[in-house]
């Protein structure tokens, strides 16, 4: 059974940092493109960052470039999202995604709230 379990969300002040983790089980994360998406209330789920199997040239949404960093540790079957200089508009539920050919898996999400 495939599971993606996100952790690391929480409440942080503007300008603060958080690191999200996505632990994968039931699949070799190294064989999948791993991504982070986010969904704010009343909005669509949007791509935040994506990293391929080879971990070369990650892709970032324009709104997070220079502030967020996606990385993967294949030995731990885990993907991370380091978020710095957080803004109020980064508030959302963050979801981990694993994709490969016809296979597409989602985690349950972790809430990130940026507020003073």
C-alpha atoms as a PDB file:
ATOM      1  CA  UNK A   1       0.000   0.000   0.000  1.00  0.00           C
ATOM      2  CA  UNK A   2       1.410   3.351  -1.046  1.00  0.00           C
ATOM      3  CA  UNK A   3       1.513   6.082   1.570  1.00  0.00           C
ATOM      4  CA  UNK A   4       2.860   9.610   1.488  1.00  0.00           C
ATOM      5  CA  UNK A   5       2.934  11.184   4.930  1.00  0.00           C
ATOM      6  CA  UNK A   6       3.618  14.893   5.240  1.00  0.00           C
ATOM      7  CA  UNK A   7       4.853  16.516   8.418  1.00  0.00           C
ATOM      8  CA  UNK A   8       6.417  19.748   9.606  1.00  0.00           C
ATOM      9  CA  UNK A   9       3.546  22.148   9.091  1.00  0.00           C
ATOM     10  CA  UNK A  10       2.435  24.631  11.703  1.00  0.00           C
ATOM     11  CA  UNK A  11       2.028  28.264  12.634  1.00  0.00           C
ATOM     12  CA  UNK A  12       4.889  30.641  11.875  1.00  0.00           C
ATOM     13  CA  UNK A  13       5.305  34.400  11.803  1.00  0.00           C
ATOM     14  CA  UNK A  14       5.968  36.266   8.564  1.00  0.00           C
ATOM     15  CA  UNK A  15       9.636  36.044   7.688  1.00  0.00           C
ATOM     16  CA  UNK A  16      10.010  32.745   9.486  1.00  0.00           C
ATOM     17  CA  UNK A  17      10.991  29.317   8.209  1.00  0.00           C
ATOM     18  CA  UNK A  18       9.578  25.821   8.141  1.00  0.00           C
ATOM     19  CA  UNK A  19      10.746  22.535   6.694  1.00  0.00           C
ATOM     20  CA  UNK A  20       8.153  20.092   5.422  1.00  0.00           C
ATOM     21  CA  UNK A  21       8.900  16.392   5.059  1.00  0.00           C
ATOM     22  CA  UNK A  22       7.164  13.772   2.952  1.00  0.00           C
ATOM     23  CA  UNK A  23       7.934  10.200   3.909  1.00  0.00           C
ATOM     24  CA  UNK A  24       7.038   7.669   1.238  1.00  0.00           C
ATOM     25  CA  UNK A  25       6.272   4.008   1.808  1.00  0.00           C
ATOM     26  CA  UNK A  26       5.129   1.293  -0.549  1.00  0.00           C
ATOM     27  CA  UNK A  27       7.016   2.796  -3.451  1.00  0.00           C
ATOM     28  CA  UNK A  28      10.609   3.684  -4.275  1.00  0.00           C
ATOM     29  CA  UNK A  29      10.530   7.479  -4.178  1.00  0.00           C
ATOM     30  CA  UNK A  30      13.754   7.494  -6.160  1.00  0.00           C
ATOM     31  CA  UNK A  31      11.809   6.232  -9.201  1.00  0.00           C
ATOM     32  CA  UNK A  32       9.188   8.948  -9.027  1.00  0.00           C
ATOM     33  CA  UNK A  33       9.004  12.652  -9.740  1.00  0.00           C
ATOM     34  CA  UNK A  34       8.205  14.158  -6.365  1.00  0.00           C
ATOM     35  CA  UNK A  35       6.350  17.429  -5.984  1.00  0.00           C
ATOM     36  CA  UNK A  36       4.842  19.739  -3.420  1.00  0.00           C
ATOM     37  CA  UNK A  37       1.507  21.401  -4.119  1.00  0.00           C
ATOM     38  CA  UNK A  38      -0.523  23.772  -1.988  1.00  0.00           C
ATOM     39  CA  UNK A  39      -4.153  24.731  -1.730  1.00  0.00           C
ATOM     40  CA  UNK A  40      -5.441  27.828   0.009  1.00  0.00           C
ATOM     41  CA  UNK A  41      -9.114  28.117   1.041  1.00  0.00           C
ATOM     42  CA  UNK A  42     -11.319  28.733  -1.975  1.00  0.00           C
ATOM     43  CA  UNK A  43      -8.461  28.284  -4.423  1.00  0.00           C
ATOM     44  CA  UNK A  44      -7.186  25.548  -6.682  1.00  0.00           C
ATOM     45  CA  UNK A  45      -4.337  23.228  -5.783  1.00  0.00           C
ATOM     46  CA  UNK A  46      -1.197  24.656  -7.358  1.00  0.00           C
ATOM     47  CA  UNK A  47       2.303  23.324  -7.948  1.00  0.00           C
ATOM     48  CA  UNK A  48       4.891  24.743  -5.558  1.00  0.00           C
ATOM     49  CA  UNK A  49       8.002  22.746  -6.450  1.00  0.00           C
ATOM     50  CA  UNK A  50       8.961  19.623  -8.347  1.00  0.00           C
ATOM     51  CA  UNK A  51      12.058  17.445  -8.381  1.00  0.00           C
ATOM     52  CA  UNK A  52      12.713  14.655 -10.863  1.00  0.00           C
ATOM     53  CA  UNK A  53      14.240  11.261 -10.202  1.00  0.00           C
ATOM     54  CA  UNK A  54      17.656  12.597 -11.154  1.00  0.00           C
ATOM     55  CA  UNK A  55      17.165  15.619  -8.865  1.00  0.00           C
ATOM     56  CA  UNK A  56      18.480  17.968 -11.525  1.00  0.00           C
ATOM     57  CA  UNK A  57      17.008  21.440 -12.163  1.00  0.00           C
ATOM     58  CA  UNK A  58      14.074  21.492  -9.750  1.00  0.00           C
ATOM     59  CA  UNK A  59      11.079  23.525 -10.864  1.00  0.00           C
ATOM     60  CA  UNK A  60       9.529  26.211  -8.673  1.00  0.00           C
ATOM     61  CA  UNK A  61       6.449  28.373  -8.842  1.00  0.00           C
ATOM     62  CA  UNK A  62       7.399  31.991  -9.492  1.00  0.00           C
ATOM     63  CA  UNK A  63       5.874  32.989  -6.162  1.00  0.00           C
ATOM     64  CA  UNK A  64       8.349  30.858  -4.174  1.00  0.00           C
ATOM     65  CA  UNK A  65      11.549  31.110  -6.247  1.00  0.00           C
ATOM     66  CA  UNK A  66      14.501  32.101  -4.110  1.00  0.00           C
ATOM     67  CA  UNK A  67      12.621  31.325  -0.877  1.00  0.00           C
ATOM     68  CA  UNK A  68      11.752  27.612  -1.086  1.00  0.00           C
ATOM     69  CA  UNK A  69      14.034  24.665  -1.788  1.00  0.00           C
ATOM     70  CA  UNK A  70      12.936  21.140  -2.645  1.00  0.00           C
ATOM     71  CA  UNK A  71      15.282  18.240  -2.013  1.00  0.00           C
ATOM     72  CA  UNK A  72      15.162  14.482  -1.746  1.00  0.00           C
ATOM     73  CA  UNK A  73      16.940  11.823   0.278  1.00  0.00           C
ATOM     74  CA  UNK A  74      16.444   8.593  -1.627  1.00  0.00           C
ATOM     75  CA  UNK A  75      18.070   6.547   1.106  1.00  0.00           C
ATOM     76  CA  UNK A  76      15.335   7.724   3.479  1.00  0.00           C
ATOM     77  CA  UNK A  77      12.605   7.671   0.813  1.00  0.00           C
ATOM     78  CA  UNK A  78      11.820  11.227   1.838  1.00  0.00           C
ATOM     79  CA  UNK A  79      11.343  14.564   0.119  1.00  0.00           C
ATOM     80  CA  UNK A  80      11.704  17.908   1.818  1.00  0.00           C
ATOM     81  CA  UNK A  81      10.534  21.453   1.254  1.00  0.00           C
ATOM     82  CA  UNK A  82      12.600  24.097   3.006  1.00  0.00           C
ATOM     83  CA  UNK A  83      10.562  27.286   3.227  1.00  0.00           C
ATOM     84  CA  UNK A  84      12.253  30.548   4.155  1.00  0.00           C
ATOM     85  CA  UNK A  85      11.052  34.156   4.317  1.00  0.00           C
ATOM     86  CA  UNK A  86       7.501  32.951   4.647  1.00  0.00           C
ATOM     87  CA  UNK A  87       4.698  35.328   3.735  1.00  0.00           C
ATOM     88  CA  UNK A  88       1.066  35.462   4.789  1.00  0.00           C
ATOM     89  CA  UNK A  89       0.125  34.432   1.259  1.00  0.00           C
ATOM     90  CA  UNK A  90       2.018  31.149   1.713  1.00  0.00           C
ATOM     91  CA  UNK A  91      -0.739  30.023   4.075  1.00  0.00           C
ATOM     92  CA  UNK A  92      -2.256  26.823   2.679  1.00  0.00           C
ATOM     93  CA  UNK A  93      -2.482  23.082   3.028  1.00  0.00           C
ATOM     94  CA  UNK A  94       0.648  21.606   1.496  1.00  0.00           C
ATOM     95  CA  UNK A  95       0.427  18.266  -0.280  1.00  0.00           C
ATOM     96  CA  UNK A  96       3.116  15.834  -1.353  1.00  0.00           C
ATOM     97  CA  UNK A  97       2.753  14.128  -4.738  1.00  0.00           C
ATOM     98  CA  UNK A  98       4.553  11.177  -6.329  1.00  0.00           C
ATOM     99  CA  UNK A  99       4.120  10.665 -10.064  1.00  0.00           C
ATOM    100  CA  UNK A 100       5.419   8.223 -12.617  1.00  0.00           C
ATOM    101  CA  UNK A 101       3.760   7.303 -15.926  1.00  0.00           C
ATOM    102  CA  UNK A 102       0.157   6.402 -15.054  1.00  0.00           C
ATOM    103  CA  UNK A 103       0.793   6.374 -11.313  1.00  0.00           C
ATOM    104  CA  UNK A 104      -0.084   9.408  -9.242  1.00  0.00           C
ATOM    105  CA  UNK A 105      -0.217   9.452  -5.457  1.00  0.00           C
ATOM    106  CA  UNK A 106      -1.086  12.138  -2.899  1.00  0.00           C
ATOM    107  CA  UNK A 107      -0.479  12.625   0.773  1.00  0.00           C
ATOM    108  CA  UNK A 108      -3.118  13.843   3.193  1.00  0.00           C
ATOM    109  CA  UNK A 109      -1.644  17.330   3.482  1.00  0.00           C
ATOM    110  CA  UNK A 110      -0.151  19.445   6.229  1.00  0.00           C
ATOM    111  CA  UNK A 111      -1.371  22.897   7.220  1.00  0.00           C
ATOM    112  CA  UNK A 112       1.014  25.848   7.036  1.00  0.00           C
ATOM    113  CA  UNK A 113      -0.247  29.082   8.544  1.00  0.00           C
ATOM    114  CA  UNK A 114       1.785  32.274   8.303  1.00  0.00           C
ATOM    115  CA  UNK A 115       0.428  34.920  10.628  1.00  0.00           C
ATOM    116  CA  UNK A 116       1.569  37.501  13.121  1.00  0.00           C
END
